Amino acid sequence: MRKLLLLLIVATVPGIIYLTVRQVYNYNQIDSEVYSLIKSQRELFEQNKRKVANLSILSSPERIDELAEDILDLRKTETSRIRIEIEKAKERSDD
């Protein structure tokens, strides 16, 4: 009985050591993956901040005015000069 107990202890110790080493290995892999994801998240966050800043610059009223005048050759009008013409469609008569 005593030999059987000793044999059981001797057989389980390597198994416990193997499981411990495997657990440490898995933990290290997951830890490095989490670190990589955190780094990627920070980079994406910084890119997003830059894009939001660029968007605010590109959509500024001053820039839109400049593009309208330079590229589209549009000019601002005074509000007192705005004139809207509406033409009535000619009515067709069946006469």
PDB file of N, CA and C in Angstrom:
ATOM      1  N   MET A   1       0.821  -1.194   0.000  1.00  0.00           N
ATOM      2  CA  MET A   1       0.000   0.000   0.000  1.00  0.00           C
ATOM      3  C   MET A   1       0.872   1.267   0.000  1.00  0.00           C
ATOM      4  N   ARG A   2       1.908   1.210   0.802  1.00  0.00           N
ATOM      5  CA  ARG A   2       2.800   2.347   0.907  1.00  0.00           C
ATOM      6  C   ARG A   2       3.540   2.586  -0.410  1.00  0.00           C
ATOM      7  N   LYS A   3       3.922   1.503  -1.103  1.00  0.00           N
ATOM      8  CA  LYS A   3       4.594   1.625  -2.397  1.00  0.00           C
ATOM      9  C   LYS A   3       3.642   2.213  -3.439  1.00  0.00           C
ATOM     10  N   LEU A   4       2.392   1.846  -3.375  1.00  0.00           N
ATOM     11  CA  LEU A   4       1.398   2.358  -4.305  1.00  0.00           C
ATOM     12  C   LEU A   4       1.198   3.863  -4.100  1.00  0.00           C
ATOM     13  N   LEU A   5       1.146   4.285  -2.854  1.00  0.00           N
ATOM     14  CA  LEU A   5       1.006   5.705  -2.537  1.00  0.00           C
ATOM     15  C   LEU A   5       2.235   6.479  -3.010  1.00  0.00           C
ATOM     16  N   LEU A   6       3.416   5.928  -2.785  1.00  0.00           N
ATOM     17  CA  LEU A   6       4.653   6.571  -3.236  1.00  0.00           C
ATOM     18  C   LEU A   6       4.697   6.651  -4.758  1.00  0.00           C
ATOM     19  N   LEU A   7       4.275   5.587  -5.431  1.00  0.00           N
ATOM     20  CA  LEU A   7       4.229   5.568  -6.894  1.00  0.00           C
ATOM     21  C   LEU A   7       3.236   6.604  -7.415  1.00  0.00           C
ATOM     22  N   LEU A   8       2.112   6.744  -6.752  1.00  0.00           N
ATOM     23  CA  LEU A   8       1.102   7.730  -7.145  1.00  0.00           C
ATOM     24  C   LEU A   8       1.640   9.153  -6.997  1.00  0.00           C
ATOM     25  N   ILE A   9       2.344   9.433  -5.921  1.00  0.00           N
ATOM     26  CA  ILE A   9       2.931  10.758  -5.699  1.00  0.00           C
ATOM     27  C   ILE A   9       4.004  11.042  -6.748  1.00  0.00           C
ATOM     28  N   VAL A  10       4.842  10.071  -7.023  1.00  0.00           N
ATOM     29  CA  VAL A  10       5.911  10.243  -8.008  1.00  0.00           C
ATOM     30  C   VAL A  10       5.318  10.462  -9.399  1.00  0.00           C
ATOM     31  N   ALA A  11       4.212   9.835  -9.705  1.00  0.00           N
ATOM     32  CA  ALA A  11       3.593   9.968 -11.022  1.00  0.00           C
ATOM     33  C   ALA A  11       2.869  11.308 -11.165  1.00  0.00           C
ATOM     34  N   THR A  12       2.294  11.836 -10.107  1.00  0.00           N
ATOM     35  CA  THR A  12       1.522  13.076 -10.223  1.00  0.00           C
ATOM     36  C   THR A  12       2.375  14.337 -10.182  1.00  0.00           C
ATOM     37  N   VAL A  13       3.536  14.290  -9.572  1.00  0.00           N
ATOM     38  CA  VAL A  13       4.392  15.482  -9.472  1.00  0.00           C
ATOM     39  C   VAL A  13       4.780  15.998 -10.862  1.00  0.00           C
ATOM     40  N   PRO A  14       5.256  15.178 -11.799  1.00  0.00           N
ATOM     41  CA  PRO A  14       5.570  15.697 -13.140  1.00  0.00           C
ATOM     42  C   PRO A  14       4.327  16.264 -13.838  1.00  0.00           C
ATOM     43  N   GLY A  15       3.181  15.642 -13.623  1.00  0.00           N
ATOM     44  CA  GLY A  15       1.944  16.155 -14.217  1.00  0.00           C
ATOM     45  C   GLY A  15       1.598  17.536 -13.688  1.00  0.00           C
ATOM     46  N   ILE A  16       1.755  17.733 -12.395  1.00  0.00           N
ATOM     47  CA  ILE A  16       1.478  19.039 -11.795  1.00  0.00           C
ATOM     48  C   ILE A  16       2.472  20.082 -12.311  1.00  0.00           C
ATOM     49  N   ILE A  17       3.732  19.679 -12.413  1.00  0.00           N
ATOM     50  CA  ILE A  17       4.743  20.607 -12.933  1.00  0.00           C
ATOM     51  C   ILE A  17       4.435  20.974 -14.382  1.00  0.00           C
ATOM     52  N   TYR A  18       4.051  19.975 -15.190  1.00  0.00           N
ATOM     53  CA  TYR A  18       3.697  20.227 -16.592  1.00  0.00           C
ATOM     54  C   TYR A  18       2.510  21.194 -16.685  1.00  0.00           C
ATOM     55  N   LEU A  19       1.477  20.964 -15.891  1.00  0.00           N
ATOM     56  CA  LEU A  19       0.301  21.832 -15.930  1.00  0.00           C
ATOM     57  C   LEU A  19       0.640  23.256 -15.485  1.00  0.00           C
ATOM     58  N   THR A  20       1.514  23.391 -14.515  1.00  0.00           N
ATOM     59  CA  THR A  20       1.926  24.715 -14.053  1.00  0.00           C
ATOM     60  C   THR A  20       2.689  25.457 -15.143  1.00  0.00           C
ATOM     61  N   VAL A  21       3.631  24.763 -15.780  1.00  0.00           N
ATOM     62  CA  VAL A  21       4.410  25.384 -16.859  1.00  0.00           C
ATOM     63  C   VAL A  21       3.493  25.766 -18.016  1.00  0.00           C
ATOM     64  N   ARG A  22       2.557  24.897 -18.349  1.00  0.00           N
ATOM     65  CA  ARG A  22       1.610  25.187 -19.437  1.00  0.00           C
ATOM     66  C   ARG A  22       0.753  26.406 -19.095  1.00  0.00           C
ATOM     67  N   GLN A  23       0.311  26.504 -17.860  1.00  0.00           N
ATOM     68  CA  GLN A  23      -0.503  27.637 -17.430  1.00  0.00           C
ATOM     69  C   GLN A  23       0.288  28.943 -17.535  1.00  0.00           C
ATOM     70  N   VAL A  24       1.562  28.919 -17.133  1.00  0.00           N
ATOM     71  CA  VAL A  24       2.412  30.109 -17.236  1.00  0.00           C
ATOM     72  C   VAL A  24       2.607  30.486 -18.703  1.00  0.00           C
ATOM     73  N   TYR A  25       2.811  29.508 -19.557  1.00  0.00           N
ATOM     74  CA  TYR A  25       2.984  29.757 -20.986  1.00  0.00           C
ATOM     75  C   TYR A  25       1.715  30.394 -21.577  1.00  0.00           C
ATOM     76  N   ASN A  26       0.554  29.833 -21.259  1.00  0.00           N
ATOM     77  CA  ASN A  26      -0.711  30.388 -21.750  1.00  0.00           C
ATOM     78  C   ASN A  26      -0.920  31.813 -21.242  1.00  0.00           C
ATOM     79  N   TYR A  27      -0.578  32.049 -19.983  1.00  0.00           N
ATOM     80  CA  TYR A  27      -0.734  33.385 -19.412  1.00  0.00           C
ATOM     81  C   TYR A  27       0.153  34.383 -20.147  1.00  0.00           C
ATOM     82  N   ASN A  28       1.388  33.996 -20.438  1.00  0.00           N
ATOM     83  CA  ASN A  28       2.309  34.886 -21.147  1.00  0.00           C
ATOM     84  C   ASN A  28       1.820  35.196 -22.554  1.00  0.00           C
ATOM     85  N   GLN A  29       1.277  34.192 -23.234  1.00  0.00           N
ATOM     86  CA  GLN A  29       0.738  34.423 -24.580  1.00  0.00           C
ATOM     87  C   GLN A  29      -0.435  35.399 -24.535  1.00  0.00           C
ATOM     88  N   ILE A  30      -1.354  35.182 -23.613  1.00  0.00           N
ATOM     89  CA  ILE A  30      -2.522  36.057 -23.497  1.00  0.00           C
ATOM     90  C   ILE A  30      -2.082  37.461 -23.083  1.00  0.00           C
ATOM     91  N   ASP A  31      -1.112  37.550 -22.196  1.00  0.00           N
ATOM     92  CA  ASP A  31      -0.617  38.851 -21.753  1.00  0.00           C
ATOM     93  C   ASP A  31       0.002  39.625 -22.917  1.00  0.00           C
ATOM     94  N   SER A  32       0.777  38.953 -23.749  1.00  0.00           N
ATOM     95  CA  SER A  32       1.385  39.643 -24.896  1.00  0.00           C
ATOM     96  C   SER A  32       0.316  40.047 -25.915  1.00  0.00           C
ATOM     97  N   GLU A  33      -0.714  39.233 -26.072  1.00  0.00           N
ATOM     98  CA  GLU A  33      -1.808  39.575 -26.992  1.00  0.00           C
ATOM     99  C   GLU A  33      -2.576  40.797 -26.474  1.00  0.00           C
ATOM    100  N   VAL A  34      -2.833  40.841 -25.171  1.00  0.00           N
ATOM    101  CA  VAL A  34      -3.524  41.989 -24.582  1.00  0.00           C
ATOM    102  C   VAL A  34      -2.674  43.245 -24.745  1.00  0.00           C
ATOM    103  N   TYR A  35      -1.379  43.145 -24.519  1.00  0.00           N
ATOM    104  CA  TYR A  35      -0.485  44.288 -24.696  1.00  0.00           C
ATOM    105  C   TYR A  35      -0.529  44.787 -26.140  1.00  0.00           C
ATOM    106  N   SER A  36      -0.510  43.850 -27.088  1.00  0.00           N
ATOM    107  CA  SER A  36      -0.568  44.213 -28.498  1.00  0.00           C
ATOM    108  C   SER A  36      -1.888  44.904 -28.826  1.00  0.00           C
ATOM    109  N   LEU A  37      -2.987  44.409 -28.285  1.00  0.00           N
ATOM    110  CA  LEU A  37      -4.298  45.018 -28.532  1.00  0.00           C
ATOM    111  C   LEU A  37      -4.392  46.409 -27.912  1.00  0.00           C
ATOM    112  N   ILE A  38      -3.824  46.583 -26.736  1.00  0.00           N
ATOM    113  CA  ILE A  38      -3.828  47.902 -26.088  1.00  0.00           C
ATOM    114  C   ILE A  38      -3.015  48.889 -26.920  1.00  0.00           C
ATOM    115  N   LYS A  39      -1.875  48.444 -27.420  1.00  0.00           N
ATOM    116  CA  LYS A  39      -1.026  49.300 -28.266  1.00  0.00           C
ATOM    117  C   LYS A  39      -1.774  49.678 -29.540  1.00  0.00           C
ATOM    118  N   SER A  40      -2.431  48.709 -30.149  1.00  0.00           N
ATOM    119  CA  SER A  40      -3.211  48.968 -31.355  1.00  0.00           C
ATOM    120  C   SER A  40      -4.362  49.931 -31.065  1.00  0.00           C
ATOM    121  N   GLN A  41      -5.008  49.763 -29.941  1.00  0.00           N
ATOM    122  CA  GLN A  41      -6.105  50.649 -29.560  1.00  0.00           C
ATOM    123  C   GLN A  41      -5.611  52.082 -29.394  1.00  0.00           C
ATOM    124  N   ARG A  42      -4.464  52.261 -28.775  1.00  0.00           N
ATOM    125  CA  ARG A  42      -3.898  53.606 -28.604  1.00  0.00           C
ATOM    126  C   ARG A  42      -3.586  54.246 -29.951  1.00  0.00           C
ATOM    127  N   GLU A  43      -3.003  53.457 -30.856  1.00  0.00           N
ATOM    128  CA  GLU A  43      -2.689  53.983 -32.187  1.00  0.00           C
ATOM    129  C   GLU A  43      -3.958  54.393 -32.929  1.00  0.00           C
ATOM    130  N   LEU A  44      -4.990  53.555 -32.857  1.00  0.00           N
ATOM    131  CA  LEU A  44      -6.255  53.882 -33.522  1.00  0.00           C
ATOM    132  C   LEU A  44      -6.902  55.115 -32.900  1.00  0.00           C
ATOM    133  N   PHE A  45      -6.795  55.249 -31.591  1.00  0.00           N
ATOM    134  CA  PHE A  45      -7.352  56.414 -30.907  1.00  0.00           C
ATOM    135  C   PHE A  45      -6.638  57.681 -31.366  1.00  0.00           C
ATOM    136  N   GLU A  46      -5.315  57.621 -31.494  1.00  0.00           N
ATOM    137  CA  GLU A  46      -4.549  58.778 -31.953  1.00  0.00           C
ATOM    138  C   GLU A  46      -4.889  59.123 -33.406  1.00  0.00           C
ATOM    139  N   GLN A  47      -5.042  58.098 -34.250  1.00  0.00           N
ATOM    140  CA  GLN A  47      -5.441  58.338 -35.637  1.00  0.00           C
ATOM    141  C   GLN A  47      -6.809  59.008 -35.689  1.00  0.00           C
ATOM    142  N   ASN A  48      -7.717  58.536 -34.838  1.00  0.00           N
ATOM    143  CA  ASN A  48      -9.053  59.107 -34.801  1.00  0.00           C
ATOM    144  C   ASN A  48      -9.005  60.571 -34.375  1.00  0.00           C
ATOM    145  N   LYS A  49      -8.181  60.886 -33.387  1.00  0.00           N
ATOM    146  CA  LYS A  49      -8.053  62.275 -32.948  1.00  0.00           C
ATOM    147  C   LYS A  49      -7.520  63.154 -34.080  1.00  0.00           C
ATOM    148  N   ARG A  50      -6.532  62.640 -34.818  1.00  0.00           N
ATOM    149  CA  ARG A  50      -5.982  63.410 -35.941  1.00  0.00           C
ATOM    150  C   ARG A  50      -7.036  63.620 -37.031  1.00  0.00           C
ATOM    151  N   LYS A  51      -7.824  62.593 -37.305  1.00  0.00           N
ATOM    152  CA  LYS A  51      -8.856  62.712 -38.333  1.00  0.00           C
ATOM    153  C   LYS A  51      -9.948  63.690 -37.923  1.00  0.00           C
ATOM    154  N   VAL A  52     -10.320  63.695 -36.666  1.00  0.00           N
ATOM    155  CA  VAL A  52     -11.322  64.652 -36.188  1.00  0.00           C
ATOM    156  C   VAL A  52     -10.775  66.071 -36.307  1.00  0.00           C
ATOM    157  N   ALA A  53      -9.512  66.259 -35.957  1.00  0.00           N
ATOM    158  CA  ALA A  53      -8.898  67.581 -36.087  1.00  0.00           C
ATOM    159  C   ALA A  53      -8.848  68.013 -37.549  1.00  0.00           C
ATOM    160  N   ASN A  54      -8.462  67.102 -38.443  1.00  0.00           N
ATOM    161  CA  ASN A  54      -8.429  67.424 -39.873  1.00  0.00           C
ATOM    162  C   ASN A  54      -9.819  67.741 -40.403  1.00  0.00           C
ATOM    163  N   LEU A  55     -10.805  67.004 -39.940  1.00  0.00           N
ATOM    164  CA  LEU A  55     -12.177  67.236 -40.377  1.00  0.00           C
ATOM    165  C   LEU A  55     -12.653  68.616 -39.962  1.00  0.00           C
ATOM    166  N   SER A  56     -12.318  69.016 -38.751  1.00  0.00           N
ATOM    167  CA  SER A  56     -12.743  70.344 -38.301  1.00  0.00           C
ATOM    168  C   SER A  56     -12.037  71.440 -39.103  1.00  0.00           C
ATOM    169  N   ILE A  57     -10.793  71.182 -39.487  1.00  0.00           N
ATOM    170  CA  ILE A  57     -10.075  72.158 -40.314  1.00  0.00           C
ATOM    171  C   ILE A  57     -10.682  72.215 -41.711  1.00  0.00           C
ATOM    172  N   LEU A  58     -10.951  71.035 -42.297  1.00  0.00           N
ATOM    173  CA  LEU A  58     -11.474  70.985 -43.668  1.00  0.00           C
ATOM    174  C   LEU A  58     -12.889  71.533 -43.777  1.00  0.00           C
ATOM    175  N   SER A  59     -13.668  71.449 -42.703  1.00  0.00           N
ATOM    176  CA  SER A  59     -15.052  71.914 -42.775  1.00  0.00           C
ATOM    177  C   SER A  59     -15.236  73.300 -42.168  1.00  0.00           C
ATOM    178  N   SER A  60     -14.149  74.006 -41.946  1.00  0.00           N
ATOM    179  CA  SER A  60     -14.263  75.348 -41.367  1.00  0.00           C
ATOM    180  C   SER A  60     -14.901  76.292 -42.384  1.00  0.00           C
ATOM    181  N   PRO A  61     -15.701  77.236 -41.930  1.00  0.00           N
ATOM    182  CA  PRO A  61     -16.361  78.172 -42.849  1.00  0.00           C
ATOM    183  C   PRO A  61     -15.373  78.974 -43.695  1.00  0.00           C
ATOM    184  N   GLU A  62     -14.225  79.328 -43.123  1.00  0.00           N
ATOM    185  CA  GLU A  62     -13.243  80.084 -43.879  1.00  0.00           C
ATOM    186  C   GLU A  62     -12.727  79.283 -45.080  1.00  0.00           C
ATOM    187  N   ARG A  63     -12.480  78.011 -44.862  1.00  0.00           N
ATOM    188  CA  ARG A  63     -11.980  77.160 -45.941  1.00  0.00           C
ATOM    189  C   ARG A  63     -13.054  76.967 -47.005  1.00  0.00           C
ATOM    190  N   ILE A  64     -14.296  76.761 -46.579  1.00  0.00           N
ATOM    191  CA  ILE A  64     -15.392  76.582 -47.535  1.00  0.00           C
ATOM    192  C   ILE A  64     -15.563  77.846 -48.372  1.00  0.00           C
ATOM    193  N   ASP A  65     -15.488  79.012 -47.719  1.00  0.00           N
ATOM    194  CA  ASP A  65     -15.581  80.277 -48.470  1.00  0.00           C
ATOM    195  C   ASP A  65     -14.461  80.394 -49.490  1.00  0.00           C
ATOM    196  N   GLU A  66     -13.249  80.043 -49.077  1.00  0.00           N
ATOM    197  CA  GLU A  66     -12.103  80.129 -49.978  1.00  0.00           C
ATOM    198  C   GLU A  66     -12.270  79.189 -51.168  1.00  0.00           C
ATOM    199  N   LEU A  67     -12.717  77.950 -50.918  1.00  0.00           N
ATOM    200  CA  LEU A  67     -12.933  77.005 -52.019  1.00  0.00           C
ATOM    201  C   LEU A  67     -14.034  77.496 -52.951  1.00  0.00           C
ATOM    202  N   ALA A  68     -15.096  78.024 -52.384  1.00  0.00           N
ATOM    203  CA  ALA A  68     -16.201  78.518 -53.210  1.00  0.00           C
ATOM    204  C   ALA A  68     -15.740  79.654 -54.117  1.00  0.00           C
ATOM    205  N   GLU A  69     -14.923  80.550 -53.590  1.00  0.00           N
ATOM    206  CA  GLU A  69     -14.463  81.682 -54.391  1.00  0.00           C
ATOM    207  C   GLU A  69     -13.388  81.280 -55.398  1.00  0.00           C
ATOM    208  N   ASP A  70     -12.416  80.485 -54.970  1.00  0.00           N
ATOM    209  CA  ASP A  70     -11.279  80.163 -55.842  1.00  0.00           C
ATOM    210  C   ASP A  70     -11.594  79.087 -56.867  1.00  0.00           C
ATOM    211  N   ILE A  71     -12.196  78.007 -56.428  1.00  0.00           N
ATOM    212  CA  ILE A  71     -12.400  76.871 -57.331  1.00  0.00           C
ATOM    213  C   ILE A  71     -13.716  76.976 -58.095  1.00  0.00           C
ATOM    214  N   LEU A  72     -14.794  77.304 -57.387  1.00  0.00           N
ATOM    215  CA  LEU A  72     -16.107  77.341 -58.033  1.00  0.00           C
ATOM    216  C   LEU A  72     -16.458  78.719 -58.586  1.00  0.00           C
ATOM    217  N   ASP A  73     -15.604  79.683 -58.324  1.00  0.00           N
ATOM    218  CA  ASP A  73     -15.809  81.051 -58.792  1.00  0.00           C
ATOM    219  C   ASP A  73     -17.166  81.611 -58.342  1.00  0.00           C
ATOM    220  N   LEU A  74     -17.502  81.344 -57.099  1.00  0.00           N
ATOM    221  CA  LEU A  74     -18.737  81.870 -56.521  1.00  0.00           C
ATOM    222  C   LEU A  74     -18.394  83.112 -55.709  1.00  0.00           C
ATOM    223  N   ARG A  75     -19.300  84.030 -55.649  1.00  0.00           N
ATOM    224  CA  ARG A  75     -19.120  85.249 -54.875  1.00  0.00           C
ATOM    225  C   ARG A  75     -20.284  85.401 -53.910  1.00  0.00           C
ATOM    226  N   LYS A  76     -20.004  85.997 -52.766  1.00  0.00           N
ATOM    227  CA  LYS A  76     -21.061  86.270 -51.803  1.00  0.00           C
ATOM    228  C   LYS A  76     -21.908  87.425 -52.321  1.00  0.00           C
ATOM    229  N   THR A  77     -23.186  87.338 -52.056  1.00  0.00           N
ATOM    230  CA  THR A  77     -24.079  88.426 -52.435  1.00  0.00           C
ATOM    231  C   THR A  77     -24.615  89.074 -51.181  1.00  0.00           C
ATOM    232  N   GLU A  78     -25.012  90.306 -51.355  1.00  0.00           N
ATOM    233  CA  GLU A  78     -25.636  90.989 -50.236  1.00  0.00           C
ATOM    234  C   GLU A  78     -27.065  90.496 -50.132  1.00  0.00           C
ATOM    235  N   THR A  79     -27.564  90.395 -48.932  1.00  0.00           N
ATOM    236  CA  THR A  79     -28.915  89.859 -48.749  1.00  0.00           C
ATOM    237  C   THR A  79     -29.968  90.751 -49.360  1.00  0.00           C
ATOM    238  N   SER A  80     -29.704  92.034 -49.526  1.00  0.00           N
ATOM    239  CA  SER A  80     -30.687  92.935 -50.134  1.00  0.00           C
ATOM    240  C   SER A  80     -30.761  92.724 -51.646  1.00  0.00           C
ATOM    241  N   ARG A  81     -29.775  92.060 -52.228  1.00  0.00           N
ATOM    242  CA  ARG A  81     -29.744  91.860 -53.677  1.00  0.00           C
ATOM    243  C   ARG A  81     -30.281  90.514 -54.117  1.00  0.00           C
ATOM    244  N   ILE A  82     -30.672  89.678 -53.200  1.00  0.00           N
ATOM    245  CA  ILE A  82     -31.153  88.354 -53.588  1.00  0.00           C
ATOM    246  C   ILE A  82     -32.526  88.484 -54.236  1.00  0.00           C
ATOM    247  N   ARG A  83     -32.657  87.865 -55.374  1.00  0.00           N
ATOM    248  CA  ARG A  83     -33.916  87.931 -56.109  1.00  0.00           C
ATOM    249  C   ARG A  83     -34.260  86.522 -56.571  1.00  0.00           C
ATOM    250  N   ILE A  84     -35.431  86.096 -56.258  1.00  0.00           N
ATOM    251  CA  ILE A  84     -35.874  84.762 -56.642  1.00  0.00           C
ATOM    252  C   ILE A  84     -36.993  84.909 -57.659  1.00  0.00           C
ATOM    253  N   GLU A  85     -36.818  84.283 -58.783  1.00  0.00           N
ATOM    254  CA  GLU A  85     -37.841  84.330 -59.829  1.00  0.00           C
ATOM    255  C   GLU A  85     -38.486  82.957 -59.942  1.00  0.00           C
ATOM    256  N   ILE A  86     -39.797  82.975 -59.963  1.00  0.00           N
ATOM    257  CA  ILE A  86     -40.540  81.732 -60.128  1.00  0.00           C
ATOM    258  C   ILE A  86     -41.378  81.876 -61.385  1.00  0.00           C
ATOM    259  N   GLU A  87     -41.165  81.003 -62.314  1.00  0.00           N
ATOM    260  CA  GLU A  87     -41.927  81.049 -63.566  1.00  0.00           C
ATOM    261  C   GLU A  87     -43.101  80.102 -63.454  1.00  0.00           C
ATOM    262  N   LYS A  88     -44.222  80.588 -63.863  1.00  0.00           N
ATOM    263  CA  LYS A  88     -45.407  79.736 -63.878  1.00  0.00           C
ATOM    264  C   LYS A  88     -45.394  78.916 -65.165  1.00  0.00           C
ATOM    265  N   ALA A  89     -45.740  77.670 -65.008  1.00  0.00           N
ATOM    266  CA  ALA A  89     -45.805  76.815 -66.180  1.00  0.00           C
ATOM    267  C   ALA A  89     -47.047  77.199 -66.998  1.00  0.00           C
ATOM    268  N   LYS A  90     -46.879  77.212 -68.296  1.00  0.00           N
ATOM    269  CA  LYS A  90     -48.017  77.551 -69.157  1.00  0.00           C
ATOM    270  C   LYS A  90     -49.048  76.443 -69.056  1.00  0.00           C
ATOM    271  N   GLU A  91     -50.289  76.876 -68.875  1.00  0.00           N
ATOM    272  CA  GLU A  91     -51.357  75.887 -68.772  1.00  0.00           C
ATOM    273  C   GLU A  91     -51.768  75.481 -70.170  1.00  0.00           C
ATOM    274  N   ARG A  92     -51.914  74.209 -70.363  1.00  0.00           N
ATOM    275  CA  ARG A  92     -52.327  73.706 -71.662  1.00  0.00           C
ATOM    276  C   ARG A  92     -53.851  73.665 -71.693  1.00  0.00           C
ATOM    277  N   SER A  93     -54.366  74.098 -72.706  1.00  0.00           N
ATOM    278  CA  SER A  93     -55.828  74.038 -72.844  1.00  0.00           C
ATOM    279  C   SER A  93     -56.153  73.045 -73.940  1.00  0.00           C
ATOM    280  N   ASP A  94     -57.235  72.349 -73.712  1.00  0.00           N
ATOM    281  CA  ASP A  94     -57.656  71.337 -74.693  1.00  0.00           C
ATOM    282  C   ASP A  94     -58.550  71.940 -75.764  1.00  0.00           C
ATOM    283  N   ASP A  95     -58.647  73.265 -75.821  1.00  0.00           N
ATOM    284  CA  ASP A  95     -59.517  73.954 -76.807  1.00  0.00           C
ATOM    285  C   ASP A  95     -58.985  73.798 -78.188  1.00  0.00           C
TER     286      ASP A  95
END
